[in-house]
Protein backbone atom coordinates (compact mmCIF):
# COMPACT_ATOMS: atom_id res chain seq x y z
CA MET A 1 180.43 -90.91 108.66
CA ASN A 2 180.87 -89.41 112.14
CA ARG A 3 183.56 -87.05 110.81
CA LEU A 4 181.25 -85.92 108.01
CA VAL A 5 178.47 -85.10 110.48
CA MET A 6 180.95 -83.13 112.60
CA LEU A 7 182.29 -81.33 109.50
CA VAL A 8 178.79 -80.38 108.34
CA GLY A 9 177.93 -79.17 111.84
CA LEU A 10 181.11 -77.09 112.00
CA VAL A 11 180.43 -75.55 108.59
CA VAL A 12 176.88 -74.63 109.63
CA VAL A 13 178.06 -73.07 112.90
CA CYS A 14 180.81 -71.07 111.18
CA ALA A 15 178.55 -69.94 108.35
CA LEU A 16 175.84 -68.68 110.68
CA ALA A 17 178.03 -67.18 113.38
CA PRO A 18 176.75 -63.63 113.73
CA LEU A 19 178.89 -60.60 113.09
CA TYR A 20 177.17 -57.88 115.04
CA THR A 21 178.05 -54.40 113.84
CA LEU A 22 175.52 -52.15 115.52
CA ALA A 23 174.65 -50.83 118.95
CA GLN A 24 171.29 -50.92 120.73
CA THR A 25 168.43 -48.80 119.49
CA GLN A 26 168.32 -45.31 120.95
CA SER A 27 164.71 -44.31 121.46
CA GLU A 28 161.88 -45.79 123.49
CA ASP A 29 159.62 -45.60 120.42
CA GLN A 30 161.93 -47.95 118.55
CA THR A 31 161.87 -50.50 121.34
CA GLN A 32 158.07 -50.54 121.28
CA SER A 33 157.81 -51.18 117.52
CA GLU A 34 157.98 -54.71 116.16
CA GLU A 35 161.39 -55.99 115.13
CA LYS A 36 161.47 -57.64 111.69
CA MET A 37 164.03 -59.80 109.91
CA LEU A 38 165.21 -59.98 106.33
CA VAL A 39 167.92 -61.77 104.40
CA GLY A 40 169.52 -60.02 101.44
CA GLN A 41 172.60 -59.57 99.32
CA VAL A 42 174.79 -56.49 99.84
CA LYS A 43 174.83 -54.10 96.88
CA SER A 44 176.60 -51.13 98.48
CA VAL A 45 177.34 -49.11 101.62
CA ASP A 46 177.30 -45.31 101.35
CA ALA A 47 180.48 -43.26 101.89
CA PHE A 48 179.44 -42.35 105.46
CA GLY A 49 178.78 -46.00 106.43
CA THR A 50 175.22 -45.25 107.51
CA VAL A 51 173.14 -46.68 104.64
CA LEU A 52 173.34 -50.29 103.45
CA THR A 53 171.65 -50.97 100.12
CA LEU A 54 170.66 -54.53 99.26
CA ALA A 55 170.48 -56.03 95.76
CA ASP A 56 166.66 -55.78 95.78
CA GLY A 57 166.86 -52.01 96.46
CA THR A 58 166.03 -52.20 100.17
CA LYS A 59 167.86 -49.51 102.16
CA LEU A 60 168.81 -50.22 105.78
CA LEU A 61 169.94 -47.32 107.99
CA THR A 62 172.07 -47.34 111.11
CA PRO A 63 170.73 -45.85 114.33
CA PRO A 64 171.90 -42.25 114.96
CA GLY A 65 175.60 -42.16 115.81
CA ALA A 66 176.34 -45.69 114.53
CA GLN A 67 178.13 -46.83 111.36
CA PHE A 68 178.54 -50.08 109.48
CA ASN A 69 182.04 -51.56 109.65
CA PRO A 70 183.28 -51.13 106.04
CA ASP A 71 185.70 -54.08 106.32
CA ALA A 72 182.90 -56.44 107.39
CA LEU A 73 180.55 -55.83 104.44
CA GLU A 74 181.48 -56.74 100.87
CA LYS A 75 179.43 -56.47 97.69
CA GLY A 76 177.57 -59.73 97.03
CA MET A 77 177.75 -60.87 100.66
CA ILE A 78 174.58 -62.35 102.17
CA VAL A 79 173.44 -60.62 105.37
CA ILE A 80 170.72 -61.30 107.92
CA ALA A 81 169.30 -58.07 109.32
CA MET A 82 166.99 -57.37 112.22
CA TYR A 83 165.37 -53.96 111.91
CA ARG A 84 162.56 -51.73 113.07
CA GLU A 85 160.45 -49.88 110.55
CA GLU A 86 159.89 -46.22 111.41
CA ASP A 87 156.58 -44.41 110.86
CA ASP A 88 158.06 -42.77 107.75
CA GLY A 89 159.02 -46.19 106.28
CA ARG A 90 162.74 -46.05 107.05
CA LYS A 91 164.26 -49.39 108.13
CA VAL A 92 166.65 -48.90 111.07
CA VAL A 93 168.96 -51.85 111.72
CA THR A 94 169.09 -53.24 115.25
CA ARG A 95 171.32 -56.26 114.52
CA LEU A 96 173.24 -57.45 111.49
CA ALA A 97 174.90 -60.81 110.85
CA ARG A 98 176.69 -62.44 107.95
CA GLY A 99 174.75 -65.13 106.19
CA PRO A 100 176.24 -68.36 104.88
CA SER A 101 179.03 -67.67 102.39
CA GLU A 102 178.93 -71.11 100.82
CA PRO A 103 176.20 -73.70 100.52
CA VAL A 104 176.36 -76.44 103.14
CA PRO A 105 177.46 -79.73 101.55
CA GLU A 106 174.88 -82.47 101.39
CA ALA A 107 175.43 -85.60 103.43
CA PRO A 108 176.03 -88.69 101.31
CA LYS A 109 172.96 -90.83 100.76
CA ARG A 110 172.90 -94.35 102.10
CA PRO A 111 172.59 -97.10 99.53
CA GLU A 112 169.34 -98.99 99.93
């Protein structure tokens, strides 16, 4: 039982360990706007590595001068993104992390 709890804990920690791929925001205006979070599934990354499109059609942009690491993002992967929405509606990523790749196994139920 104790090993199972440790295994589940290890799986959760590994699944949620962030993979940061972006630098800090560049402008003072961005730091004043509210940071938001979303979870989505990767659909594609453009050829320049600056636009990440999620399965629901949401487009996330890198800050000027930054690029997504192409080896870190695969189609179908779940990502957790922190972003700031610009006045024109663009979503500029401030942080990006991998989401869980597999569901966490359920702990066995105790017989009553």
